[in-house]
């Protein structure tokens, strides 16, 4: 149990730091008031978790410890549902309902597509 907690915590640390850096980079590259940084990390994180799960399912390509570190820790820290929810609440409070609904639908669709793509690539 302790080993899993250390693996997840370490992965989460690296994922969170990389999420912050990626979000800042996207915001500097693309000046917009849209939440493109959160969208980018959620899609990339979905793609990575698809790859990790595909490799784990193959049996010999990735160990249970690496799965814990990467899927639960790193991807859990890298992706950010709470920021996604806050951004949507802010858009709704600003009465940007169409933008919020579009962001929700596109994020879910592209996120699922990214998980499937990552999983499919390693199969």
PDB file of N, CA and C in Angstrom:
ATOM      1  N   UNK A   1       0.818  -1.187   0.000  1.00  0.00           N
ATOM      2  CA  UNK A   1       0.000   0.000   0.000  1.00  0.00           C
ATOM      3  C   UNK A   1       0.872   1.266   0.000  1.00  0.00           C
ATOM      4  N   UNK A   2       1.884   1.306   0.849  1.00  0.00           N
ATOM      5  CA  UNK A   2       2.765   2.473   0.895  1.00  0.00           C
ATOM      6  C   UNK A   2       3.484   2.684  -0.420  1.00  0.00           C
ATOM      7  N   UNK A   3       3.881   1.582  -1.031  1.00  0.00           N
ATOM      8  CA  UNK A   3       4.576   1.695  -2.309  1.00  0.00           C
ATOM      9  C   UNK A   3       3.664   2.350  -3.347  1.00  0.00           C
ATOM     10  N   UNK A   4       2.415   1.935  -3.403  1.00  0.00           N
ATOM     11  CA  UNK A   4       1.463   2.533  -4.342  1.00  0.00           C
ATOM     12  C   UNK A   4       1.244   4.016  -4.043  1.00  0.00           C
ATOM     13  N   UNK A   5       1.155   4.368  -2.776  1.00  0.00           N
ATOM     14  CA  UNK A   5       0.954   5.769  -2.408  1.00  0.00           C
ATOM     15  C   UNK A   5       2.151   6.621  -2.827  1.00  0.00           C
ATOM     16  N   UNK A   6       3.346   6.091  -2.660  1.00  0.00           N
ATOM     17  CA  UNK A   6       4.550   6.821  -3.069  1.00  0.00           C
ATOM     18  C   UNK A   6       4.603   6.951  -4.582  1.00  0.00           C
ATOM     19  N   UNK A   7       4.284   5.868  -5.297  1.00  0.00           N
ATOM     20  CA  UNK A   7       4.269   5.915  -6.766  1.00  0.00           C
ATOM     21  C   UNK A   7       3.245   6.937  -7.268  1.00  0.00           C
ATOM     22  N   UNK A   8       2.049   6.892  -6.723  1.00  0.00           N
ATOM     23  CA  UNK A   8       0.986   7.806  -7.148  1.00  0.00           C
ATOM     24  C   UNK A   8       1.340   9.246  -6.785  1.00  0.00           C
ATOM     25  N   UNK A   9       1.836   9.461  -5.574  1.00  0.00           N
ATOM     26  CA  UNK A   9       2.207  10.812  -5.147  1.00  0.00           C
ATOM     27  C   UNK A   9       3.329  11.399  -5.982  1.00  0.00           C
ATOM     28  N   UNK A  10       4.324  10.588  -6.288  1.00  0.00           N
ATOM     29  CA  UNK A  10       5.442  11.057  -7.115  1.00  0.00           C
ATOM     30  C   UNK A  10       4.962  11.360  -8.530  1.00  0.00           C
ATOM     31  N   UNK A  11       4.174  10.458  -9.100  1.00  0.00           N
ATOM     32  CA  UNK A  11       3.622  10.696 -10.433  1.00  0.00           C
ATOM     33  C   UNK A  11       2.745  11.921 -10.450  1.00  0.00           C
ATOM     34  N   UNK A  12       1.932  12.089  -9.413  1.00  0.00           N
ATOM     35  CA  UNK A  12       1.062  13.259  -9.322  1.00  0.00           C
ATOM     36  C   UNK A  12       1.841  14.558  -9.237  1.00  0.00           C
ATOM     37  N   UNK A  13       2.959  14.541  -8.511  1.00  0.00           N
ATOM     38  CA  UNK A  13       3.812  15.726  -8.424  1.00  0.00           C
ATOM     39  C   UNK A  13       4.306  16.130  -9.805  1.00  0.00           C
ATOM     40  N   UNK A  14       4.879  15.169 -10.538  1.00  0.00           N
ATOM     41  CA  UNK A  14       5.401  15.477 -11.868  1.00  0.00           C
ATOM     42  C   UNK A  14       4.286  15.895 -12.827  1.00  0.00           C
ATOM     43  N   UNK A  15       3.142  15.226 -12.747  1.00  0.00           N
ATOM     44  CA  UNK A  15       2.024  15.585 -13.598  1.00  0.00           C
ATOM     45  C   UNK A  15       1.509  16.984 -13.317  1.00  0.00           C
ATOM     46  N   UNK A  16       1.398  17.339 -12.047  1.00  0.00           N
ATOM     47  CA  UNK A  16       0.902  18.660 -11.677  1.00  0.00           C
ATOM     48  C   UNK A  16       1.847  19.771 -12.119  1.00  0.00           C
ATOM     49  N   UNK A  17       3.138  19.557 -11.928  1.00  0.00           N
ATOM     50  CA  UNK A  17       4.126  20.555 -12.342  1.00  0.00           C
ATOM     51  C   UNK A  17       4.108  20.711 -13.864  1.00  0.00           C
ATOM     52  N   UNK A  18       4.029  19.596 -14.569  1.00  0.00           N
ATOM     53  CA  UNK A  18       3.981  19.665 -16.031  1.00  0.00           C
ATOM     54  C   UNK A  18       2.681  20.297 -16.516  1.00  0.00           C
ATOM     55  N   UNK A  19       1.575  20.049 -15.801  1.00  0.00           N
ATOM     56  CA  UNK A  19       0.307  20.682 -16.163  1.00  0.00           C
ATOM     57  C   UNK A  19       0.431  22.200 -16.056  1.00  0.00           C
ATOM     58  N   UNK A  20       0.990  22.670 -14.969  1.00  0.00           N
ATOM     59  CA  UNK A  20       1.158  24.108 -14.781  1.00  0.00           C
ATOM     60  C   UNK A  20       2.019  24.690 -15.904  1.00  0.00           C
ATOM     61  N   UNK A  21       3.135  24.047 -16.191  1.00  0.00           N
ATOM     62  CA  UNK A  21       4.024  24.536 -17.244  1.00  0.00           C
ATOM     63  C   UNK A  21       3.378  24.509 -18.614  1.00  0.00           C
ATOM     64  N   UNK A  22       2.646  23.449 -18.903  1.00  0.00           N
ATOM     65  CA  UNK A  22       1.966  23.332 -20.197  1.00  0.00           C
ATOM     66  C   UNK A  22       0.889  24.396 -20.333  1.00  0.00           C
ATOM     67  N   UNK A  23       0.115  24.600 -19.286  1.00  0.00           N
ATOM     68  CA  UNK A  23      -0.936  25.615 -19.308  1.00  0.00           C
ATOM     69  C   UNK A  23      -0.334  27.002 -19.538  1.00  0.00           C
ATOM     70  N   UNK A  24       0.739  27.318 -18.833  1.00  0.00           N
ATOM     71  CA  UNK A  24       1.390  28.618 -19.002  1.00  0.00           C
ATOM     72  C   UNK A  24       1.935  28.786 -20.421  1.00  0.00           C
ATOM     73  N   UNK A  25       2.526  27.722 -20.965  1.00  0.00           N
ATOM     74  CA  UNK A  25       3.081  27.777 -22.311  1.00  0.00           C
ATOM     75  C   UNK A  25       1.977  28.021 -23.348  1.00  0.00           C
ATOM     76  N   UNK A  26       0.871  27.292 -23.220  1.00  0.00           N
ATOM     77  CA  UNK A  26      -0.239  27.455 -24.160  1.00  0.00           C
ATOM     78  C   UNK A  26      -0.793  28.880 -24.072  1.00  0.00           C
ATOM     79  N   UNK A  27      -0.937  29.391 -22.870  1.00  0.00           N
ATOM     80  CA  UNK A  27      -1.481  30.741 -22.701  1.00  0.00           C
ATOM     81  C   UNK A  27      -0.541  31.809 -23.265  1.00  0.00           C
ATOM     82  N   UNK A  28       0.762  31.564 -23.235  1.00  0.00           N
ATOM     83  CA  UNK A  28       1.712  32.514 -23.814  1.00  0.00           C
ATOM     84  C   UNK A  28       1.737  32.422 -25.335  1.00  0.00           C
ATOM     85  N   UNK A  29       1.580  31.213 -25.856  1.00  0.00           N
ATOM     86  CA  UNK A  29       1.603  31.022 -27.308  1.00  0.00           C
ATOM     87  C   UNK A  29       0.320  31.513 -27.969  1.00  0.00           C
ATOM     88  N   UNK A  30      -0.801  31.300 -27.295  1.00  0.00           N
ATOM     89  CA  UNK A  30      -2.106  31.658 -27.857  1.00  0.00           C
ATOM     90  C   UNK A  30      -2.799  32.593 -26.878  1.00  0.00           C
ATOM     91  N   UNK A  31      -2.786  33.860 -27.186  1.00  0.00           N
ATOM     92  CA  UNK A  31      -3.434  34.833 -26.304  1.00  0.00           C
ATOM     93  C   UNK A  31      -4.940  34.798 -26.543  1.00  0.00           C
ATOM     94  N   UNK A  32      -5.654  34.243 -25.568  1.00  0.00           N
ATOM     95  CA  UNK A  32      -7.097  34.124 -25.664  1.00  0.00           C
ATOM     96  C   UNK A  32      -7.687  34.074 -24.267  1.00  0.00           C
ATOM     97  N   UNK A  33      -8.962  34.356 -24.169  1.00  0.00           N
ATOM     98  CA  UNK A  33      -9.634  34.211 -22.880  1.00  0.00           C
ATOM     99  C   UNK A  33     -10.321  32.848 -22.780  1.00  0.00           C
ATOM    100  N   UNK A  34     -10.119  32.003 -23.786  1.00  0.00           N
ATOM    101  CA  UNK A  34     -10.684  30.654 -23.783  1.00  0.00           C
ATOM    102  C   UNK A  34      -9.742  29.727 -23.014  1.00  0.00           C
ATOM    103  N   UNK A  35     -10.276  28.682 -22.398  1.00  0.00           N
ATOM    104  CA  UNK A  35      -9.461  27.785 -21.567  1.00  0.00           C
ATOM    105  C   UNK A  35      -8.691  26.738 -22.386  1.00  0.00           C
ATOM    106  N   UNK A  36      -7.869  27.196 -23.322  1.00  0.00           N
ATOM    107  CA  UNK A  36      -7.153  26.272 -24.201  1.00  0.00           C
ATOM    108  C   UNK A  36      -6.067  25.487 -23.474  1.00  0.00           C
ATOM    109  N   UNK A  37      -5.479  26.058 -22.418  1.00  0.00           N
ATOM    110  CA  UNK A  37      -4.458  25.340 -21.654  1.00  0.00           C
ATOM    111  C   UNK A  37      -5.038  24.107 -20.984  1.00  0.00           C
ATOM    112  N   UNK A  38      -6.170  24.258 -20.333  1.00  0.00           N
ATOM    113  CA  UNK A  38      -6.833  23.121 -19.687  1.00  0.00           C
ATOM    114  C   UNK A  38      -7.266  22.100 -20.728  1.00  0.00           C
ATOM    115  N   UNK A  39      -7.810  22.574 -21.834  1.00  0.00           N
ATOM    116  CA  UNK A  39      -8.223  21.670 -22.910  1.00  0.00           C
ATOM    117  C   UNK A  39      -7.025  20.859 -23.402  1.00  0.00           C
ATOM    118  N   UNK A  40      -5.892  21.525 -23.618  1.00  0.00           N
ATOM    119  CA  UNK A  40      -4.692  20.844 -24.126  1.00  0.00           C
ATOM    120  C   UNK A  40      -4.204  19.774 -23.152  1.00  0.00           C
ATOM    121  N   UNK A  41      -4.098  20.108 -21.863  1.00  0.00           N
ATOM    122  CA  UNK A  41      -3.597  19.101 -20.922  1.00  0.00           C
ATOM    123  C   UNK A  41      -4.576  17.948 -20.769  1.00  0.00           C
ATOM    124  N   UNK A  42      -5.866  18.214 -20.836  1.00  0.00           N
ATOM    125  CA  UNK A  42      -6.832  17.126 -20.713  1.00  0.00           C
ATOM    126  C   UNK A  42      -6.790  16.186 -21.914  1.00  0.00           C
ATOM    127  N   UNK A  43      -6.609  16.728 -23.109  1.00  0.00           N
ATOM    128  CA  UNK A  43      -6.522  15.872 -24.300  1.00  0.00           C
ATOM    129  C   UNK A  43      -5.215  15.084 -24.299  1.00  0.00           C
ATOM    130  N   UNK A  44      -4.107  15.754 -24.023  1.00  0.00           N
ATOM    131  CA  UNK A  44      -2.812  15.062 -23.984  1.00  0.00           C
ATOM    132  C   UNK A  44      -2.810  14.001 -22.880  1.00  0.00           C
ATOM    133  N   UNK A  45      -3.330  14.352 -21.700  1.00  0.00           N
ATOM    134  CA  UNK A  45      -3.408  13.385 -20.607  1.00  0.00           C
ATOM    135  C   UNK A  45      -4.280  12.199 -20.950  1.00  0.00           C
ATOM    136  N   UNK A  46      -5.370  12.424 -21.661  1.00  0.00           N
ATOM    137  CA  UNK A  46      -6.238  11.327 -22.099  1.00  0.00           C
ATOM    138  C   UNK A  46      -5.511  10.417 -23.073  1.00  0.00           C
ATOM    139  N   UNK A  47      -4.742  11.008 -23.970  1.00  0.00           N
ATOM    140  CA  UNK A  47      -3.963  10.233 -24.932  1.00  0.00           C
ATOM    141  C   UNK A  47      -2.911   9.388 -24.196  1.00  0.00           C
ATOM    142  N   UNK A  48      -2.216   9.993 -23.247  1.00  0.00           N
ATOM    143  CA  UNK A  48      -1.180   9.279 -22.491  1.00  0.00           C
ATOM    144  C   UNK A  48      -1.785   8.121 -21.706  1.00  0.00           C
ATOM    145  N   UNK A  49      -2.924   8.345 -21.053  1.00  0.00           N
ATOM    146  CA  UNK A  49      -3.519   7.261 -20.268  1.00  0.00           C
ATOM    147  C   UNK A  49      -3.993   6.130 -21.176  1.00  0.00           C
ATOM    148  N   UNK A  50      -4.430   6.464 -22.390  1.00  0.00           N
ATOM    149  CA  UNK A  50      -4.789   5.417 -23.352  1.00  0.00           C
ATOM    150  C   UNK A  50      -3.579   4.567 -23.707  1.00  0.00           C
ATOM    151  N   UNK A  51      -2.443   5.209 -23.925  1.00  0.00           N
ATOM    152  CA  UNK A  51      -1.208   4.472 -24.227  1.00  0.00           C
ATOM    153  C   UNK A  51      -0.805   3.593 -23.048  1.00  0.00           C
ATOM    154  N   UNK A  52      -0.822   4.160 -21.848  1.00  0.00           N
ATOM    155  CA  UNK A  52      -0.430   3.411 -20.654  1.00  0.00           C
ATOM    156  C   UNK A  52      -1.321   2.192 -20.458  1.00  0.00           C
ATOM    157  N   UNK A  53      -2.633   2.364 -20.575  1.00  0.00           N
ATOM    158  CA  UNK A  53      -3.554   1.244 -20.382  1.00  0.00           C
ATOM    159  C   UNK A  53      -3.411   0.204 -21.481  1.00  0.00           C
ATOM    160  N   UNK A  54      -3.158   0.659 -22.713  1.00  0.00           N
ATOM    161  CA  UNK A  54      -2.923  -0.284 -23.802  1.00  0.00           C
ATOM    162  C   UNK A  54      -1.665  -1.103 -23.577  1.00  0.00           C
ATOM    163  N   UNK A  55      -0.603  -0.459 -23.123  1.00  0.00           N
ATOM    164  CA  UNK A  55       0.641  -1.169 -22.828  1.00  0.00           C
ATOM    165  C   UNK A  55       0.460  -2.137 -21.667  1.00  0.00           C
ATOM    166  N   UNK A  56      -0.287  -1.727 -20.650  1.00  0.00           N
ATOM    167  CA  UNK A  56      -0.526  -2.589 -19.497  1.00  0.00           C
ATOM    168  C   UNK A  56      -1.352  -3.808 -19.902  1.00  0.00           C
ATOM    169  N   UNK A  57      -2.336  -3.594 -20.761  1.00  0.00           N
ATOM    170  CA  UNK A  57      -3.197  -4.713 -21.173  1.00  0.00           C
ATOM    171  C   UNK A  57      -2.423  -5.759 -21.965  1.00  0.00           C
ATOM    172  N   UNK A  58      -1.373  -5.319 -22.668  1.00  0.00           N
ATOM    173  CA  UNK A  58      -0.547  -6.269 -23.407  1.00  0.00           C
ATOM    174  C   UNK A  58       0.178  -7.231 -22.480  1.00  0.00           C
ATOM    175  N   UNK A  59       0.255  -6.910 -21.215  1.00  0.00           N
ATOM    176  CA  UNK A  59       0.764  -7.844 -20.218  1.00  0.00           C
ATOM    177  C   UNK A  59       2.225  -7.706 -19.847  1.00  0.00           C
ATOM    178  N   UNK A  60       3.100  -7.643 -20.802  1.00  0.00           N
ATOM    179  CA  UNK A  60       4.527  -7.647 -20.487  1.00  0.00           C
ATOM    180  C   UNK A  60       5.199  -6.307 -20.758  1.00  0.00           C
ATOM    181  N   UNK A  61       4.505  -5.369 -21.337  1.00  0.00           N
ATOM    182  CA  UNK A  61       5.137  -4.125 -21.753  1.00  0.00           C
ATOM    183  C   UNK A  61       5.242  -3.080 -20.646  1.00  0.00           C
ATOM    184  N   UNK A  62       4.366  -3.151 -19.644  1.00  0.00           N
ATOM    185  CA  UNK A  62       4.402  -2.178 -18.553  1.00  0.00           C
ATOM    186  C   UNK A  62       3.941  -2.870 -17.270  1.00  0.00           C
ATOM    187  N   UNK A  63       4.657  -2.651 -16.197  1.00  0.00           N
ATOM    188  CA  UNK A  63       4.331  -3.303 -14.924  1.00  0.00           C
ATOM    189  C   UNK A  63       3.190  -2.571 -14.218  1.00  0.00           C
ATOM    190  N   UNK A  64       2.642  -3.234 -13.204  1.00  0.00           N
ATOM    191  CA  UNK A  64       1.575  -2.628 -12.400  1.00  0.00           C
ATOM    192  C   UNK A  64       2.080  -1.368 -11.695  1.00  0.00           C
ATOM    193  N   UNK A  65       3.358  -1.357 -11.298  1.00  0.00           N
ATOM    194  CA  UNK A  65       3.920  -0.165 -10.651  1.00  0.00           C
ATOM    195  C   UNK A  65       3.976   1.011 -11.616  1.00  0.00           C
ATOM    196  N   UNK A  66       4.399   0.771 -12.849  1.00  0.00           N
ATOM    197  CA  UNK A  66       4.440   1.849 -13.839  1.00  0.00           C
ATOM    198  C   UNK A  66       3.032   2.331 -14.163  1.00  0.00           C
ATOM    199  N   UNK A  67       2.083   1.411 -14.207  1.00  0.00           N
ATOM    200  CA  UNK A  67       0.689   1.800 -14.445  1.00  0.00           C
ATOM    201  C   UNK A  67       0.224   2.733 -13.322  1.00  0.00           C
ATOM    202  N   UNK A  68       0.513   2.367 -12.066  1.00  0.00           N
ATOM    203  CA  UNK A  68       0.139   3.206 -10.929  1.00  0.00           C
ATOM    204  C   UNK A  68       0.780   4.585 -11.049  1.00  0.00           C
ATOM    205  N   UNK A  69       2.074   4.618 -11.322  1.00  0.00           N
ATOM    206  CA  UNK A  69       2.816   5.871 -11.416  1.00  0.00           C
ATOM    207  C   UNK A  69       2.282   6.746 -12.547  1.00  0.00           C
ATOM    208  N   UNK A  70       2.120   6.153 -13.737  1.00  0.00           N
ATOM    209  CA  UNK A  70       1.746   6.929 -14.921  1.00  0.00           C
ATOM    210  C   UNK A  70       0.249   7.224 -15.009  1.00  0.00           C
ATOM    211  N   UNK A  71      -0.584   6.187 -14.911  1.00  0.00           N
ATOM    212  CA  UNK A  71      -2.027   6.376 -15.119  1.00  0.00           C
ATOM    213  C   UNK A  71      -2.683   7.090 -13.943  1.00  0.00           C
ATOM    214  N   UNK A  72      -2.477   6.575 -12.741  1.00  0.00           N
ATOM    215  CA  UNK A  72      -3.151   7.159 -11.580  1.00  0.00           C
ATOM    216  C   UNK A  72      -2.427   8.422 -11.110  1.00  0.00           C
ATOM    217  N   UNK A  73      -1.109   8.349 -10.978  1.00  0.00           N
ATOM    218  CA  UNK A  73      -0.342   9.479 -10.463  1.00  0.00           C
ATOM    219  C   UNK A  73      -0.136  10.582 -11.473  1.00  0.00           C
ATOM    220  N   UNK A  74       0.670  10.302 -12.510  1.00  0.00           N
ATOM    221  CA  UNK A  74       1.030  11.340 -13.476  1.00  0.00           C
ATOM    222  C   UNK A  74      -0.193  11.900 -14.204  1.00  0.00           C
ATOM    223  N   UNK A  75      -0.992  11.034 -14.817  1.00  0.00           N
ATOM    224  CA  UNK A  75      -2.157  11.521 -15.569  1.00  0.00           C
ATOM    225  C   UNK A  75      -3.202  12.140 -14.649  1.00  0.00           C
ATOM    226  N   UNK A  76      -3.328  11.593 -13.436  1.00  0.00           N
ATOM    227  CA  UNK A  76      -4.251  12.185 -12.468  1.00  0.00           C
ATOM    228  C   UNK A  76      -3.833  13.593 -12.070  1.00  0.00           C
ATOM    229  N   UNK A  77      -2.526  13.805 -11.936  1.00  0.00           N
ATOM    230  CA  UNK A  77      -2.023  15.133 -11.612  1.00  0.00           C
ATOM    231  C   UNK A  77      -1.980  16.058 -12.812  1.00  0.00           C
ATOM    232  N   UNK A  78      -1.767  15.484 -13.992  1.00  0.00           N
ATOM    233  CA  UNK A  78      -1.627  16.278 -15.203  1.00  0.00           C
ATOM    234  C   UNK A  78      -2.964  16.801 -15.704  1.00  0.00           C
ATOM    235  N   UNK A  79      -3.962  15.951 -15.728  1.00  0.00           N
ATOM    236  CA  UNK A  79      -5.280  16.396 -16.192  1.00  0.00           C
ATOM    237  C   UNK A  79      -6.000  17.079 -15.045  1.00  0.00           C
ATOM    238  N   UNK A  80      -7.025  17.834 -15.367  1.00  0.00           N
ATOM    239  CA  UNK A  80      -7.604  18.678 -14.327  1.00  0.00           C
ATOM    240  C   UNK A  80      -9.099  18.902 -14.518  1.00  0.00           C
ATOM    241  N   UNK A  81      -9.885  18.035 -13.935  1.00  0.00           N
ATOM    242  CA  UNK A  81     -11.326  18.186 -14.051  1.00  0.00           C
ATOM    243  C   UNK A  81     -11.832  19.375 -13.238  1.00  0.00           C
ATOM    244  N   UNK A  82     -11.204  19.628 -12.099  1.00  0.00           N
ATOM    245  CA  UNK A  82     -11.681  20.733 -11.272  1.00  0.00           C
ATOM    246  C   UNK A  82     -11.510  22.079 -11.982  1.00  0.00           C
ATOM    247  N   UNK A  83     -10.401  22.266 -12.689  1.00  0.00           N
ATOM    248  CA  UNK A  83     -10.217  23.505 -13.463  1.00  0.00           C
ATOM    249  C   UNK A  83     -11.238  23.575 -14.587  1.00  0.00           C
ATOM    250  N   UNK A  84     -11.492  22.461 -15.222  1.00  0.00           N
ATOM    251  CA  UNK A  84     -12.485  22.365 -16.289  1.00  0.00           C
ATOM    252  C   UNK A  84     -13.859  22.800 -15.759  1.00  0.00           C
ATOM    253  N   UNK A  85     -14.232  22.290 -14.586  1.00  0.00           N
ATOM    254  CA  UNK A  85     -15.523  22.635 -13.999  1.00  0.00           C
ATOM    255  C   UNK A  85     -15.580  24.124 -13.638  1.00  0.00           C
ATOM    256  N   UNK A  86     -14.507  24.647 -13.054  1.00  0.00           N
ATOM    257  CA  UNK A  86     -14.462  26.063 -12.676  1.00  0.00           C
ATOM    258  C   UNK A  86     -14.564  26.965 -13.904  1.00  0.00           C
ATOM    259  N   UNK A  87     -13.853  26.610 -14.970  1.00  0.00           N
ATOM    260  CA  UNK A  87     -13.909  27.418 -16.191  1.00  0.00           C
ATOM    261  C   UNK A  87     -15.317  27.437 -16.771  1.00  0.00           C
ATOM    262  N   UNK A  88     -15.999  26.286 -16.724  1.00  0.00           N
ATOM    263  CA  UNK A  88     -17.374  26.241 -17.223  1.00  0.00           C
ATOM    264  C   UNK A  88     -18.315  27.052 -16.343  1.00  0.00           C
ATOM    265  N   UNK A  89     -18.134  26.988 -15.037  1.00  0.00           N
ATOM    266  CA  UNK A  89     -18.953  27.794 -14.142  1.00  0.00           C
ATOM    267  C   UNK A  89     -18.749  29.283 -14.426  1.00  0.00           C
ATOM    268  N   UNK A  90     -17.496  29.691 -14.632  1.00  0.00           N
ATOM    269  CA  UNK A  90     -17.203  31.098 -14.940  1.00  0.00           C
ATOM    270  C   UNK A  90     -17.873  31.529 -16.238  1.00  0.00           C
ATOM    271  N   UNK A  91     -17.848  30.669 -17.255  1.00  0.00           N
ATOM    272  CA  UNK A  91     -18.505  31.002 -18.524  1.00  0.00           C
ATOM    273  C   UNK A  91     -20.011  31.111 -18.339  1.00  0.00           C
ATOM    274  N   UNK A  92     -20.587  30.203 -17.545  1.00  0.00           N
ATOM    275  CA  UNK A  92     -22.032  30.249 -17.315  1.00  0.00           C
ATOM    276  C   UNK A  92     -22.421  31.504 -16.535  1.00  0.00           C
ATOM    277  N   UNK A  93     -21.616  31.866 -15.545  1.00  0.00           N
ATOM    278  CA  UNK A  93     -21.902  33.073 -14.779  1.00  0.00           C
ATOM    279  C   UNK A  93     -21.796  34.324 -15.649  1.00  0.00           C
ATOM    280  N   UNK A  94     -20.947  34.264 -16.683  1.00  0.00           N
ATOM    281  CA  UNK A  94     -20.814  35.376 -17.632  1.00  0.00           C
ATOM    282  C   UNK A  94     -21.830  35.251 -18.759  1.00  0.00           C
ATOM    283  N   UNK A  95     -22.767  34.316 -18.604  1.00  0.00           N
ATOM    284  CA  UNK A  95     -23.829  34.051 -19.578  1.00  0.00           C
ATOM    285  C   UNK A  95     -23.289  33.671 -20.953  1.00  0.00           C
ATOM    286  N   UNK A  96     -22.161  32.975 -20.971  1.00  0.00           N
ATOM    287  CA  UNK A  96     -21.586  32.441 -22.209  1.00  0.00           C
ATOM    288  C   UNK A  96     -21.989  30.964 -22.313  1.00  0.00           C
ATOM    289  N   UNK A  97     -23.287  30.724 -22.362  1.00  0.00           N
ATOM    290  CA  UNK A  97     -23.813  29.366 -22.297  1.00  0.00           C
ATOM    291  C   UNK A  97     -23.405  28.529 -23.508  1.00  0.00           C
ATOM    292  N   UNK A  98     -23.481  29.103 -24.693  1.00  0.00           N
ATOM    293  CA  UNK A  98     -23.109  28.355 -25.887  1.00  0.00           C
ATOM    294  C   UNK A  98     -21.642  27.943 -25.833  1.00  0.00           C
ATOM    295  N   UNK A  99     -20.762  28.869 -25.454  1.00  0.00           N
ATOM    296  CA  UNK A  99     -19.337  28.572 -25.361  1.00  0.00           C
ATOM    297  C   UNK A  99     -19.078  27.479 -24.327  1.00  0.00           C
ATOM    298  N   UNK A 100     -19.758  27.549 -23.194  1.00  0.00           N
ATOM    299  CA  UNK A 100     -19.593  26.547 -22.144  1.00  0.00           C
ATOM    300  C   UNK A 100     -20.037  25.171 -22.618  1.00  0.00           C
ATOM    301  N   UNK A 101     -21.208  25.099 -23.226  1.00  0.00           N
ATOM    302  CA  UNK A 101     -21.712  23.809 -23.715  1.00  0.00           C
ATOM    303  C   UNK A 101     -20.807  23.261 -24.809  1.00  0.00           C
ATOM    304  N   UNK A 102     -20.358  24.120 -25.695  1.00  0.00           N
ATOM    305  CA  UNK A 102     -19.441  23.696 -26.748  1.00  0.00           C
ATOM    306  C   UNK A 102     -18.141  23.154 -26.154  1.00  0.00           C
ATOM    307  N   UNK A 103     -17.601  23.838 -25.162  1.00  0.00           N
ATOM    308  CA  UNK A 103     -16.375  23.404 -24.489  1.00  0.00           C
ATOM    309  C   UNK A 103     -16.568  22.042 -23.815  1.00  0.00           C
ATOM    310  N   UNK A 104     -17.700  21.843 -23.163  1.00  0.00           N
ATOM    311  CA  UNK A 104     -17.991  20.568 -22.507  1.00  0.00           C
ATOM    312  C   UNK A 104     -18.064  19.444 -23.533  1.00  0.00           C
ATOM    313  N   UNK A 105     -18.846  19.648 -24.587  1.00  0.00           N
ATOM    314  CA  UNK A 105     -19.043  18.603 -25.602  1.00  0.00           C
ATOM    315  C   UNK A 105     -17.730  18.282 -26.312  1.00  0.00           C
ATOM    316  N   UNK A 106     -17.015  19.301 -26.744  1.00  0.00           N
ATOM    317  CA  UNK A 106     -15.755  19.077 -27.454  1.00  0.00           C
ATOM    318  C   UNK A 106     -14.730  18.408 -26.539  1.00  0.00           C
ATOM    319  N   UNK A 107     -14.648  18.832 -25.285  1.00  0.00           N
ATOM    320  CA  UNK A 107     -13.682  18.244 -24.348  1.00  0.00           C
ATOM    321  C   UNK A 107     -13.956  16.765 -24.124  1.00  0.00           C
ATOM    322  N   UNK A 108     -15.209  16.419 -23.931  1.00  0.00           N
ATOM    323  CA  UNK A 108     -15.552  15.011 -23.700  1.00  0.00           C
ATOM    324  C   UNK A 108     -15.286  14.192 -24.955  1.00  0.00           C
ATOM    325  N   UNK A 109     -15.731  14.677 -26.099  1.00  0.00           N
ATOM    326  CA  UNK A 109     -15.542  13.935 -27.348  1.00  0.00           C
ATOM    327  C   UNK A 109     -14.060  13.761 -27.678  1.00  0.00           C
ATOM    328  N   UNK A 110     -13.309  14.844 -27.645  1.00  0.00           N
ATOM    329  CA  UNK A 110     -11.883  14.772 -28.002  1.00  0.00           C
ATOM    330  C   UNK A 110     -11.107  13.984 -26.942  1.00  0.00           C
ATOM    331  N   UNK A 111     -11.489  14.111 -25.668  1.00  0.00           N
ATOM    332  CA  UNK A 111     -10.842  13.332 -24.610  1.00  0.00           C
ATOM    333  C   UNK A 111     -11.035  11.836 -24.817  1.00  0.00           C
ATOM    334  N   UNK A 112     -12.264  11.422 -25.106  1.00  0.00           N
ATOM    335  CA  UNK A 112     -12.523  10.005 -25.382  1.00  0.00           C
ATOM    336  C   UNK A 112     -11.796   9.535 -26.635  1.00  0.00           C
ATOM    337  N   UNK A 113     -11.780  10.374 -27.653  1.00  0.00           N
ATOM    338  CA  UNK A 113     -11.055  10.043 -28.875  1.00  0.00           C
ATOM    339  C   UNK A 113      -9.557   9.895 -28.598  1.00  0.00           C
ATOM    340  N   UNK A 114      -9.006  10.754 -27.735  1.00  0.00           N
ATOM    341  CA  UNK A 114      -7.584  10.680 -27.402  1.00  0.00           C
ATOM    342  C   UNK A 114      -7.264   9.402 -26.628  1.00  0.00           C
ATOM    343  N   UNK A 115      -8.106   9.015 -25.666  1.00  0.00           N
ATOM    344  CA  UNK A 115      -7.885   7.758 -24.928  1.00  0.00           C
ATOM    345  C   UNK A 115      -7.923   6.587 -25.898  1.00  0.00           C
ATOM    346  N   UNK A 116      -8.939   6.550 -26.741  1.00  0.00           N
ATOM    347  CA  UNK A 116      -9.057   5.455 -27.705  1.00  0.00           C
ATOM    348  C   UNK A 116      -7.859   5.428 -28.655  1.00  0.00           C
ATOM    349  N   UNK A 117      -7.433   6.597 -29.130  1.00  0.00           N
ATOM    350  CA  UNK A 117      -6.297   6.663 -30.058  1.00  0.00           C
ATOM    351  C   UNK A 117      -5.021   6.143 -29.410  1.00  0.00           C
ATOM    352  N   UNK A 118      -4.762   6.579 -28.177  1.00  0.00           N
ATOM    353  CA  UNK A 118      -3.573   6.099 -27.477  1.00  0.00           C
ATOM    354  C   UNK A 118      -3.620   4.604 -27.266  1.00  0.00           C
ATOM    355  N   UNK A 119      -4.776   4.097 -26.868  1.00  0.00           N
ATOM    356  CA  UNK A 119      -4.957   2.662 -26.653  1.00  0.00           C
ATOM    357  C   UNK A 119      -4.791   1.892 -27.966  1.00  0.00           C
ATOM    358  N   UNK A 120      -5.376   2.408 -29.028  1.00  0.00           N
ATOM    359  CA  UNK A 120      -5.331   1.748 -30.327  1.00  0.00           C
ATOM    360  C   UNK A 120      -3.911   1.721 -30.901  1.00  0.00           C
ATOM    361  N   UNK A 121      -3.162   2.783 -30.711  1.00  0.00           N
ATOM    362  CA  UNK A 121      -1.805   2.866 -31.244  1.00  0.00           C
ATOM    363  C   UNK A 121      -0.923   1.759 -30.691  1.00  0.00           C
ATOM    364  N   UNK A 122      -1.041   1.468 -29.407  1.00  0.00           N
ATOM    365  CA  UNK A 122      -0.167   0.447 -28.815  1.00  0.00           C
ATOM    366  C   UNK A 122      -0.696  -0.959 -29.004  1.00  0.00           C
ATOM    367  N   UNK A 123      -1.902  -1.094 -29.463  1.00  0.00           N
ATOM    368  CA  UNK A 123      -2.459  -2.426 -29.767  1.00  0.00           C
ATOM    369  C   UNK A 123      -1.959  -2.831 -31.119  1.00  0.00           C
TER     370      UNK A 123
END
